[in-house]
Amino acid sequence: FRDDSLSGWAKTGWLVFTIVLPFLGVFVYVVARGKGMGKR
Protein backbone atom coordinates (compact mmCIF):
# COMPACT_ATOMS: atom_id res chain seq x y z
CA PHE A 1 0.00 0.00 0.00
CA ARG A 2 2.91 2.39 0.66
CA ASP A 3 4.56 1.93 -2.75
CA ASP A 4 3.51 4.82 -4.98
CA SER A 5 5.23 3.34 -8.03
CA LEU A 6 2.67 0.49 -8.22
CA SER A 7 -0.59 1.05 -10.03
CA GLY A 8 -3.87 0.15 -8.41
CA TRP A 9 -4.10 -3.05 -10.43
CA ALA A 10 -0.56 -4.06 -9.48
CA LYS A 11 -1.33 -3.43 -5.81
CA THR A 12 -4.49 -5.49 -6.12
CA GLY A 13 -2.59 -8.32 -7.82
CA TRP A 14 0.13 -8.43 -5.15
CA LEU A 15 -2.44 -8.21 -2.38
CA VAL A 16 -4.53 -11.06 -3.78
CA PHE A 17 -1.37 -13.12 -4.34
CA THR A 18 -0.20 -12.62 -0.74
CA ILE A 19 -3.63 -13.38 0.73
CA VAL A 20 -4.60 -16.36 -1.46
CA LEU A 21 -1.15 -17.99 -1.38
CA PRO A 22 0.43 -16.30 1.65
CA PHE A 23 3.69 -18.26 1.91
CA LEU A 24 4.46 -18.24 -1.80
CA GLY A 25 3.10 -14.71 -2.29
CA VAL A 26 5.21 -13.19 0.49
CA PHE A 27 8.37 -14.99 -0.57
CA VAL A 28 7.92 -14.00 -4.23
CA TYR A 29 7.20 -10.39 -3.19
CA VAL A 30 10.31 -10.24 -0.99
CA VAL A 31 12.47 -11.70 -3.79
CA ALA A 32 10.97 -9.48 -6.50
CA ARG A 33 10.54 -6.22 -4.60
CA GLY A 34 12.43 -6.71 -1.34
CA LYS A 35 15.35 -4.48 -2.31
CA GLY A 36 13.07 -1.44 -2.44
CA MET A 37 11.24 -2.25 0.80
CA GLY A 38 14.01 -0.78 2.95
CA LYS A 39 14.29 2.34 0.81
CA ARG A 40 10.54 2.91 0.92
ModelCIF file with pLDDT and N, C-alpha, C, O atoms, coordinates in Angstrom:
data_MODEL
#
_entry.id   MODEL 
#
_entity.id                         1 
_entity.type                       polymer 
_entity.pdbx_number_of_molecules   1 
#
_entity_poly.entity_id                      1 
_entity_poly.type                           'polypeptide(L)' 
_entity_poly.nstd_linkage                   no 
_entity_poly.nstd_monomer                   no 
_entity_poly.pdbx_seq_one_letter_code       FRDDSLSGWAKTGWLVFTIVLPFLGVFVYVVARGKGMGKR 
_entity_poly.pdbx_seq_one_letter_code_can   FRDDSLSGWAKTGWLVFTIVLPFLGVFVYVVARGKGMGKR 
_entity_poly.pdbx_strand_id                 A 
#
loop_
_entity_poly_seq.entity_id 
_entity_poly_seq.num 
_entity_poly_seq.mon_id 
_entity_poly_seq.hetero 
1 1  PHE n 
1 2  ARG n 
1 3  ASP n 
1 4  ASP n 
1 5  SER n 
1 6  LEU n 
1 7  SER n 
1 8  GLY n 
1 9  TRP n 
1 10 ALA n 
1 11 LYS n 
1 12 THR n 
1 13 GLY n 
1 14 TRP n 
1 15 LEU n 
1 16 VAL n 
1 17 PHE n 
1 18 THR n 
1 19 ILE n 
1 20 VAL n 
1 21 LEU n 
1 22 PRO n 
1 23 PHE n 
1 24 LEU n 
1 25 GLY n 
1 26 VAL n 
1 27 PHE n 
1 28 VAL n 
1 29 TYR n 
1 30 VAL n 
1 31 VAL n 
1 32 ALA n 
1 33 ARG n 
1 34 GLY n 
1 35 LYS n 
1 36 GLY n 
1 37 MET n 
1 38 GLY n 
1 39 LYS n 
1 40 ARG n 
#
_struct_asym.id          A 
_struct_asym.entity_id   1 
#
loop_
_ma_qa_metric.id 
_ma_qa_metric.mode 
_ma_qa_metric.name 
_ma_qa_metric.software_group_id 
_ma_qa_metric.type 
1 global pLDDT . pLDDT 
2 local  pLDDT . pLDDT 
#
_ma_qa_metric_global.metric_id      1 
_ma_qa_metric_global.metric_value   88.90 
_ma_qa_metric_global.model_id       1 
_ma_qa_metric_global.ordinal_id     1 
#
loop_
_ma_qa_metric_local.label_asym_id 
_ma_qa_metric_local.label_comp_id 
_ma_qa_metric_local.label_seq_id 
_ma_qa_metric_local.metric_id 
_ma_qa_metric_local.metric_value 
_ma_qa_metric_local.model_id 
_ma_qa_metric_local.ordinal_id 
A PHE 1  2 89.00 1 1  
A ARG 2  2 87.00 1 2  
A ASP 3  2 86.00 1 3  
A ASP 4  2 85.00 1 4  
A SER 5  2 87.00 1 5  
A LEU 6  2 87.00 1 6  
A SER 7  2 90.00 1 7  
A GLY 8  2 90.00 1 8  
A TRP 9  2 93.00 1 9  
A ALA 10 2 91.00 1 10 
A LYS 11 2 91.00 1 11 
A THR 12 2 92.00 1 12 
A GLY 13 2 93.00 1 13 
A TRP 14 2 91.00 1 14 
A LEU 15 2 92.00 1 15 
A VAL 16 2 92.00 1 16 
A PHE 17 2 91.00 1 17 
A THR 18 2 90.00 1 18 
A ILE 19 2 89.00 1 19 
A VAL 20 2 91.00 1 20 
A LEU 21 2 90.00 1 21 
A PRO 22 2 85.00 1 22 
A PHE 23 2 87.00 1 23 
A LEU 24 2 91.00 1 24 
A GLY 25 2 89.00 1 25 
A VAL 26 2 89.00 1 26 
A PHE 27 2 90.00 1 27 
A VAL 28 2 91.00 1 28 
A TYR 29 2 89.00 1 29 
A VAL 30 2 88.00 1 30 
A VAL 31 2 91.00 1 31 
A ALA 32 2 89.00 1 32 
A ARG 33 2 87.00 1 33 
A GLY 34 2 83.00 1 34 
A LYS 35 2 84.00 1 35 
A GLY 36 2 86.00 1 36 
A MET 37 2 88.00 1 37 
A GLY 38 2 86.00 1 38 
A LYS 39 2 88.00 1 39 
A ARG 40 2 88.00 1 40 
#
loop_
_atom_site.group_PDB 
_atom_site.id 
_atom_site.type_symbol 
_atom_site.label_atom_id 
_atom_site.label_alt_id 
_atom_site.label_comp_id 
_atom_site.label_asym_id 
_atom_site.label_entity_id 
_atom_site.label_seq_id 
_atom_site.pdbx_PDB_ins_code 
_atom_site.Cartn_x 
_atom_site.Cartn_y 
_atom_site.Cartn_z 
_atom_site.occupancy 
_atom_site.B_iso_or_equiv 
_atom_site.pdbx_formal_charge 
_atom_site.auth_seq_id 
_atom_site.auth_comp_id 
_atom_site.auth_asym_id 
_atom_site.auth_atom_id 
_atom_site.pdbx_PDB_model_num 
ATOM 1   N N  . PHE A 1 1  ? 0.817  -1.212  0.000   1.00 89.00 ? 1  PHE A N  1 
ATOM 2   C CA . PHE A 1 1  ? 0.000  0.000   0.000   1.00 89.00 ? 1  PHE A CA 1 
ATOM 3   C C  . PHE A 1 1  ? 0.851  1.262   0.000   1.00 89.00 ? 1  PHE A C  1 
ATOM 4   O O  . PHE A 1 1  ? 0.415  2.291   -0.515  1.00 89.00 ? 1  PHE A O  1 
ATOM 5   N N  . ARG A 1 2  ? 2.044  1.208   0.561   1.00 87.00 ? 2  ARG A N  1 
ATOM 6   C CA . ARG A 1 2  ? 2.907  2.390   0.662   1.00 87.00 ? 2  ARG A CA 1 
ATOM 7   C C  . ARG A 1 2  ? 3.593  2.724   -0.654  1.00 87.00 ? 2  ARG A C  1 
ATOM 8   O O  . ARG A 1 2  ? 3.946  3.881   -0.882  1.00 87.00 ? 2  ARG A O  1 
ATOM 9   N N  . ASP A 1 3  ? 3.790  1.740   -1.524  1.00 86.00 ? 3  ASP A N  1 
ATOM 10  C CA . ASP A 1 3  ? 4.557  1.933   -2.752  1.00 86.00 ? 3  ASP A CA 1 
ATOM 11  C C  . ASP A 1 3  ? 3.754  2.738   -3.766  1.00 86.00 ? 3  ASP A C  1 
ATOM 12  O O  . ASP A 1 3  ? 2.748  2.268   -4.297  1.00 86.00 ? 3  ASP A O  1 
ATOM 13  N N  . ASP A 1 4  ? 4.214  3.956   -4.026  1.00 85.00 ? 4  ASP A N  1 
ATOM 14  C CA . ASP A 1 4  ? 3.512  4.822   -4.979  1.00 85.00 ? 4  ASP A CA 1 
ATOM 15  C C  . ASP A 1 4  ? 3.832  4.478   -6.428  1.00 85.00 ? 4  ASP A C  1 
ATOM 16  O O  . ASP A 1 4  ? 3.139  4.936   -7.337  1.00 85.00 ? 4  ASP A O  1 
ATOM 17  N N  . SER A 1 5  ? 4.867  3.680   -6.655  1.00 87.00 ? 5  SER A N  1 
ATOM 18  C CA . SER A 1 5  ? 5.228  3.338   -8.034  1.00 87.00 ? 5  SER A CA 1 
ATOM 19  C C  . SER A 1 5  ? 4.316  2.241   -8.608  1.00 87.00 ? 5  SER A C  1 
ATOM 20  O O  . SER A 1 5  ? 4.279  2.045   -9.823  1.00 87.00 ? 5  SER A O  1 
ATOM 21  N N  . LEU A 1 6  ? 3.591  1.535   -7.752  1.00 87.00 ? 6  LEU A N  1 
ATOM 22  C CA . LEU A 1 6  ? 2.667  0.493   -8.223  1.00 87.00 ? 6  LEU A CA 1 
ATOM 23  C C  . LEU A 1 6  ? 1.328  1.105   -8.587  1.00 87.00 ? 6  LEU A C  1 
ATOM 24  O O  . LEU A 1 6  ? 0.825  1.994   -7.899  1.00 87.00 ? 6  LEU A O  1 
ATOM 25  N N  . SER A 1 7  ? 0.761  0.620   -9.671  1.00 90.00 ? 7  SER A N  1 
ATOM 26  C CA . SER A 1 7  ? -0.590 1.051   -10.034 1.00 90.00 ? 7  SER A CA 1 
ATOM 27  C C  . SER A 1 7  ? -1.598 0.356   -9.124  1.00 90.00 ? 7  SER A C  1 
ATOM 28  O O  . SER A 1 7  ? -1.248 -0.543  -8.360  1.00 90.00 ? 7  SER A O  1 
ATOM 29  N N  . GLY A 1 8  ? -2.826 0.777   -9.217  1.00 90.00 ? 8  GLY A N  1 
ATOM 30  C CA . GLY A 1 8  ? -3.875 0.155   -8.410  1.00 90.00 ? 8  GLY A CA 1 
ATOM 31  C C  . GLY A 1 8  ? -4.049 -1.315  -8.739  1.00 90.00 ? 8  GLY A C  1 
ATOM 32  O O  . GLY A 1 8  ? -4.266 -2.133  -7.845  1.00 90.00 ? 8  GLY A O  1 
ATOM 33  N N  . TRP A 1 9  ? -3.954 -1.657  -10.028 1.00 93.00 ? 9  TRP A N  1 
ATOM 34  C CA . TRP A 1 9  ? -4.098 -3.053  -10.429 1.00 93.00 ? 9  TRP A CA 1 
ATOM 35  C C  . TRP A 1 9  ? -2.930 -3.891  -9.928  1.00 93.00 ? 9  TRP A C  1 
ATOM 36  O O  . TRP A 1 9  ? -3.113 -5.036  -9.514  1.00 93.00 ? 9  TRP A O  1 
ATOM 37  N N  . ALA A 1 10 ? -1.737 -3.325  -9.965  1.00 91.00 ? 10 ALA A N  1 
ATOM 38  C CA . ALA A 1 10 ? -0.564 -4.064  -9.475  1.00 91.00 ? 10 ALA A CA 1 
ATOM 39  C C  . ALA A 1 10 ? -0.680 -4.292  -7.968  1.00 91.00 ? 10 ALA A C  1 
ATOM 40  O O  . ALA A 1 10 ? -0.358 -5.371  -7.469  1.00 91.00 ? 10 ALA A O  1 
ATOM 41  N N  . LYS A 1 11 ? -1.141 -3.269  -7.251  1.00 91.00 ? 11 LYS A N  1 
ATOM 42  C CA . LYS A 1 11 ? -1.330 -3.429  -5.810  1.00 91.00 ? 11 LYS A CA 1 
ATOM 43  C C  . LYS A 1 11 ? -2.372 -4.504  -5.528  1.00 91.00 ? 11 LYS A C  1 
ATOM 44  O O  . LYS A 1 11 ? -2.199 -5.331  -4.633  1.00 91.00 ? 11 LYS A O  1 
ATOM 45  N N  . THR A 1 12 ? -3.443 -4.482  -6.294  1.00 92.00 ? 12 THR A N  1 
ATOM 46  C CA . THR A 1 12 ? -4.486 -5.492  -6.117  1.00 92.00 ? 12 THR A CA 1 
ATOM 47  C C  . THR A 1 12 ? -3.941 -6.889  -6.404  1.00 92.00 ? 12 THR A C  1 
ATOM 48  O O  . THR A 1 12 ? -4.225 -7.832  -5.666  1.00 92.00 ? 12 THR A O  1 
ATOM 49  N N  . GLY A 1 13 ? -3.164 -7.022  -7.470  1.00 93.00 ? 13 GLY A N  1 
ATOM 50  C CA . GLY A 1 13 ? -2.589 -8.324  -7.818  1.00 93.00 ? 13 GLY A CA 1 
ATOM 51  C C  . GLY A 1 13 ? -1.669 -8.848  -6.728  1.00 93.00 ? 13 GLY A C  1 
ATOM 52  O O  . GLY A 1 13 ? -1.767 -10.014 -6.345  1.00 93.00 ? 13 GLY A O  1 
ATOM 53  N N  . TRP A 1 14 ? -0.768 -7.997  -6.220  1.00 91.00 ? 14 TRP A N  1 
ATOM 54  C CA . TRP A 1 14 ? 0.129  -8.429  -5.154  1.00 91.00 ? 14 TRP A CA 1 
ATOM 55  C C  . TRP A 1 14 ? -0.648 -8.770  -3.891  1.00 91.00 ? 14 TRP A C  1 
ATOM 56  O O  . TRP A 1 14 ? -0.336 -9.746  -3.209  1.00 91.00 ? 14 TRP A O  1 
ATOM 57  N N  . LEU A 1 15 ? -1.652 -7.974  -3.584  1.00 92.00 ? 15 LEU A N  1 
ATOM 58  C CA . LEU A 1 15 ? -2.442 -8.212  -2.376  1.00 92.00 ? 15 LEU A CA 1 
ATOM 59  C C  . LEU A 1 15 ? -3.192 -9.534  -2.468  1.00 92.00 ? 15 LEU A C  1 
ATOM 60  O O  . LEU A 1 15 ? -3.197 -10.311 -1.513  1.00 92.00 ? 15 LEU A O  1 
ATOM 61  N N  . VAL A 1 16 ? -3.818 -9.794  -3.594  1.00 92.00 ? 16 VAL A N  1 
ATOM 62  C CA . VAL A 1 16 ? -4.531 -11.063 -3.782  1.00 92.00 ? 16 VAL A CA 1 
ATOM 63  C C  . VAL A 1 16 ? -3.545 -12.231 -3.708  1.00 92.00 ? 16 VAL A C  1 
ATOM 64  O O  . VAL A 1 16 ? -3.830 -13.255 -3.088  1.00 92.00 ? 16 VAL A O  1 
ATOM 65  N N  . PHE A 1 17 ? -2.384 -12.067 -4.347  1.00 91.00 ? 17 PHE A N  1 
ATOM 66  C CA . PHE A 1 17 ? -1.369 -13.123 -4.345  1.00 91.00 ? 17 PHE A CA 1 
ATOM 67  C C  . PHE A 1 17 ? -0.899 -13.428 -2.921  1.00 91.00 ? 17 PHE A C  1 
ATOM 68  O O  . PHE A 1 17 ? -0.731 -14.593 -2.563  1.00 91.00 ? 17 PHE A O  1 
ATOM 69  N N  . THR A 1 18 ? -0.683 -12.381 -2.101  1.00 90.00 ? 18 THR A N  1 
ATOM 70  C CA . THR A 1 18 ? -0.197 -12.618 -0.736  1.00 90.00 ? 18 THR A CA 1 
ATOM 71  C C  . THR A 1 18 ? -1.293 -13.127 0.187   1.00 90.00 ? 18 THR A C  1 
ATOM 72  O O  . THR A 1 18 ? -0.989 -13.751 1.204   1.00 90.00 ? 18 THR A O  1 
ATOM 73  N N  . ILE A 1 19 ? -2.550 -12.883 -0.134  1.00 89.00 ? 19 ILE A N  1 
ATOM 74  C CA . ILE A 1 19 ? -3.630 -13.377 0.725   1.00 89.00 ? 19 ILE A CA 1 
ATOM 75  C C  . ILE A 1 19 ? -4.056 -14.786 0.319   1.00 89.00 ? 19 ILE A C  1 
ATOM 76  O O  . ILE A 1 19 ? -4.295 -15.631 1.182   1.00 89.00 ? 19 ILE A O  1 
ATOM 77  N N  . VAL A 1 20 ? -4.154 -15.050 -0.995  1.00 91.00 ? 20 VAL A N  1 
ATOM 78  C CA . VAL A 1 20 ? -4.596 -16.364 -1.457  1.00 91.00 ? 20 VAL A CA 1 
ATOM 79  C C  . VAL A 1 20 ? -3.507 -17.415 -1.244  1.00 91.00 ? 20 VAL A C  1 
ATOM 80  O O  . VAL A 1 20 ? -3.791 -18.519 -0.780  1.00 91.00 ? 20 VAL A O  1 
ATOM 81  N N  . LEU A 1 21 ? -2.279 -17.081 -1.578  1.00 90.00 ? 21 LEU A N  1 
ATOM 82  C CA . LEU A 1 21 ? -1.145 -17.992 -1.375  1.00 90.00 ? 21 LEU A CA 1 
ATOM 83  C C  . LEU A 1 21 ? -0.120 -17.277 -0.493  1.00 90.00 ? 21 LEU A C  1 
ATOM 84  O O  . LEU A 1 21 ? 0.908  -16.819 -0.991  1.00 90.00 ? 21 LEU A O  1 
ATOM 85  N N  . PRO A 1 22 ? -0.389 -17.179 0.806   1.00 85.00 ? 22 PRO A N  1 
ATOM 86  C CA . PRO A 1 22 ? 0.431  -16.299 1.645   1.00 85.00 ? 22 PRO A CA 1 
ATOM 87  C C  . PRO A 1 22 ? 1.916  -16.646 1.682   1.00 85.00 ? 22 PRO A C  1 
ATOM 88  O O  . PRO A 1 22 ? 2.753  -15.749 1.581   1.00 85.00 ? 22 PRO A O  1 
ATOM 89  N N  . PHE A 1 23 ? 2.265  -17.921 1.823   1.00 87.00 ? 23 PHE A N  1 
ATOM 90  C CA . PHE A 1 23 ? 3.692  -18.262 1.906   1.00 87.00 ? 23 PHE A CA 1 
ATOM 91  C C  . PHE A 1 23 ? 4.393  -17.958 0.587   1.00 87.00 ? 23 PHE A C  1 
ATOM 92  O O  . PHE A 1 23 ? 5.416  -17.272 0.568   1.00 87.00 ? 23 PHE A O  1 
ATOM 93  N N  . LEU A 1 24 ? 3.852  -18.460 -0.499  1.00 91.00 ? 24 LEU A N  1 
ATOM 94  C CA . LEU A 1 24 ? 4.456  -18.237 -1.800  1.00 91.00 ? 24 LEU A CA 1 
ATOM 95  C C  . LEU A 1 24 ? 4.395  -16.753 -2.180  1.00 91.00 ? 24 LEU A C  1 
ATOM 96  O O  . LEU A 1 24 ? 5.371  -16.198 -2.686  1.00 91.00 ? 24 LEU A O  1 
ATOM 97  N N  . GLY A 1 25 ? 3.262  -16.123 -1.936  1.00 89.00 ? 25 GLY A N  1 
ATOM 98  C CA . GLY A 1 25 ? 3.097  -14.706 -2.291  1.00 89.00 ? 25 GLY A CA 1 
ATOM 99  C C  . GLY A 1 25 ? 4.086  -13.802 -1.578  1.00 89.00 ? 25 GLY A C  1 
ATOM 100 O O  . GLY A 1 25 ? 4.666  -12.910 -2.197  1.00 89.00 ? 25 GLY A O  1 
ATOM 101 N N  . VAL A 1 26 ? 4.287  -14.021 -0.282  1.00 89.00 ? 26 VAL A N  1 
ATOM 102 C CA . VAL A 1 26 ? 5.210  -13.191 0.485   1.00 89.00 ? 26 VAL A CA 1 
ATOM 103 C C  . VAL A 1 26 ? 6.639  -13.440 0.040   1.00 89.00 ? 26 VAL A C  1 
ATOM 104 O O  . VAL A 1 26 ? 7.408  -12.493 -0.126  1.00 89.00 ? 26 VAL A O  1 
ATOM 105 N N  . PHE A 1 27 ? 7.007  -14.699 -0.156  1.00 90.00 ? 27 PHE A N  1 
ATOM 106 C CA . PHE A 1 27 ? 8.371  -14.989 -0.569  1.00 90.00 ? 27 PHE A CA 1 
ATOM 107 C C  . PHE A 1 27 ? 8.664  -14.438 -1.966  1.00 90.00 ? 27 PHE A C  1 
ATOM 108 O O  . PHE A 1 27 ? 9.749  -13.906 -2.201  1.00 90.00 ? 27 PHE A O  1 
ATOM 109 N N  . VAL A 1 28 ? 7.718  -14.558 -2.885  1.00 91.00 ? 28 VAL A N  1 
ATOM 110 C CA . VAL A 1 28 ? 7.915  -14.000 -4.230  1.00 91.00 ? 28 VAL A CA 1 
ATOM 111 C C  . VAL A 1 28 ? 8.007  -12.478 -4.154  1.00 91.00 ? 28 VAL A C  1 
ATOM 112 O O  . VAL A 1 28 ? 8.834  -11.874 -4.837  1.00 91.00 ? 28 VAL A O  1 
ATOM 113 N N  . TYR A 1 29 ? 7.160  -11.850 -3.327  1.00 89.00 ? 29 TYR A N  1 
ATOM 114 C CA . TYR A 1 29 ? 7.204  -10.386 -3.188  1.00 89.00 ? 29 TYR A CA 1 
ATOM 115 C C  . TYR A 1 29 ? 8.550  -9.937  -2.632  1.00 89.00 ? 29 TYR A C  1 
ATOM 116 O O  . TYR A 1 29 ? 9.140  -8.979  -3.132  1.00 89.00 ? 29 TYR A O  1 
ATOM 117 N N  . VAL A 1 30 ? 9.039  -10.624 -1.601  1.00 88.00 ? 30 VAL A N  1 
ATOM 118 C CA . VAL A 1 30 ? 10.311 -10.240 -0.991  1.00 88.00 ? 30 VAL A CA 1 
ATOM 119 C C  . VAL A 1 30 ? 11.456 -10.422 -1.990  1.00 88.00 ? 30 VAL A C  1 
ATOM 120 O O  . VAL A 1 30 ? 12.371 -9.600  -2.037  1.00 88.00 ? 30 VAL A O  1 
ATOM 121 N N  . VAL A 1 31 ? 11.413 -11.496 -2.791  1.00 91.00 ? 31 VAL A N  1 
ATOM 122 C CA . VAL A 1 31 ? 12.465 -11.702 -3.790  1.00 91.00 ? 31 VAL A CA 1 
ATOM 123 C C  . VAL A 1 31 ? 12.363 -10.644 -4.890  1.00 91.00 ? 31 VAL A C  1 
ATOM 124 O O  . VAL A 1 31 ? 13.374 -10.074 -5.300  1.00 91.00 ? 31 VAL A O  1 
ATOM 125 N N  . ALA A 1 32 ? 11.145 -10.384 -5.368  1.00 89.00 ? 32 ALA A N  1 
ATOM 126 C CA . ALA A 1 32 ? 10.970 -9.479  -6.496  1.00 89.00 ? 32 ALA A CA 1 
ATOM 127 C C  . ALA A 1 32 ? 11.106 -8.010  -6.107  1.00 89.00 ? 32 ALA A C  1 
ATOM 128 O O  . ALA A 1 32 ? 11.684 -7.228  -6.861  1.00 89.00 ? 32 ALA A O  1 
ATOM 129 N N  . ARG A 1 33 ? 10.591 -7.628  -4.960  1.00 87.00 ? 33 ARG A N  1 
ATOM 130 C CA . ARG A 1 33 ? 10.545 -6.219  -4.602  1.00 87.00 ? 33 ARG A CA 1 
ATOM 131 C C  . ARG A 1 33 ? 11.184 -5.912  -3.251  1.00 87.00 ? 33 ARG A C  1 
ATOM 132 O O  . ARG A 1 33 ? 11.054 -4.797  -2.748  1.00 87.00 ? 33 ARG A O  1 
ATOM 133 N N  . GLY A 1 34 ? 11.863 -6.872  -2.669  1.00 83.00 ? 34 GLY A N  1 
ATOM 134 C CA . GLY A 1 34 ? 12.432 -6.709  -1.337  1.00 83.00 ? 34 GLY A CA 1 
ATOM 135 C C  . GLY A 1 34 ? 13.510 -5.644  -1.248  1.00 83.00 ? 34 GLY A C  1 
ATOM 136 O O  . GLY A 1 34 ? 13.659 -4.992  -0.214  1.00 83.00 ? 34 GLY A O  1 
ATOM 137 N N  . LYS A 1 35 ? 14.267 -5.463  -2.334  1.00 84.00 ? 35 LYS A N  1 
ATOM 138 C CA . LYS A 1 35 ? 15.346 -4.484  -2.313  1.00 84.00 ? 35 LYS A CA 1 
ATOM 139 C C  . LYS A 1 35 ? 14.805 -3.070  -2.065  1.00 84.00 ? 35 LYS A C  1 
ATOM 140 O O  . LYS A 1 35 ? 15.447 -2.270  -1.385  1.00 84.00 ? 35 LYS A O  1 
ATOM 141 N N  . GLY A 1 36 ? 13.653 -2.773  -2.604  1.00 86.00 ? 36 GLY A N  1 
ATOM 142 C CA . GLY A 1 36 ? 13.069 -1.443  -2.441  1.00 86.00 ? 36 GLY A CA 1 
ATOM 143 C C  . GLY A 1 36 ? 12.296 -1.260  -1.148  1.00 86.00 ? 36 GLY A C  1 
ATOM 144 O O  . GLY A 1 36 ? 11.947 -0.136  -0.788  1.00 86.00 ? 36 GLY A O  1 
ATOM 145 N N  . MET A 1 37 ? 12.022 -2.366  -0.434  1.00 88.00 ? 37 MET A N  1 
ATOM 146 C CA . MET A 1 37 ? 11.243 -2.250  0.805   1.00 88.00 ? 37 MET A CA 1 
ATOM 147 C C  . MET A 1 37 ? 11.960 -1.369  1.823   1.00 88.00 ? 37 MET A C  1 
ATOM 148 O O  . MET A 1 37 ? 11.338 -0.507  2.444   1.00 88.00 ? 37 MET A O  1 
ATOM 149 N N  . GLY A 1 38 ? 13.241 -1.575  1.996   1.00 86.00 ? 38 GLY A N  1 
ATOM 150 C CA . GLY A 1 38 ? 14.014 -0.784  2.953   1.00 86.00 ? 38 GLY A CA 1 
ATOM 151 C C  . GLY A 1 38 ? 14.060 0.678   2.560   1.00 86.00 ? 38 GLY A C  1 
ATOM 152 O O  . GLY A 1 38 ? 13.929 1.557   3.412   1.00 86.00 ? 38 GLY A O  1 
ATOM 153 N N  . LYS A 1 39 ? 14.244 0.947   1.273   1.00 88.00 ? 39 LYS A N  1 
ATOM 154 C CA . LYS A 1 39 ? 14.290 2.341   0.807   1.00 88.00 ? 39 LYS A CA 1 
ATOM 155 C C  . LYS A 1 39 ? 12.942 3.027   1.013   1.00 88.00 ? 39 LYS A C  1 
ATOM 156 O O  . LYS A 1 39 ? 12.883 4.182   1.436   1.00 88.00 ? 39 LYS A O  1 
ATOM 157 N N  . ARG A 1 40 ? 11.863 2.311   0.714   1.00 88.00 ? 40 ARG A N  1 
ATOM 158 C CA . ARG A 1 40 ? 10.538 2.908   0.923   1.00 88.00 ? 40 ARG A CA 1 
ATOM 159 C C  . ARG A 1 40 ? 10.291 3.176   2.402   1.00 88.00 ? 40 ARG A C  1 
ATOM 160 O O  . ARG A 1 40 ? 9.228  3.677   2.769   1.00 88.00 ? 40 ARG A O  1 
#
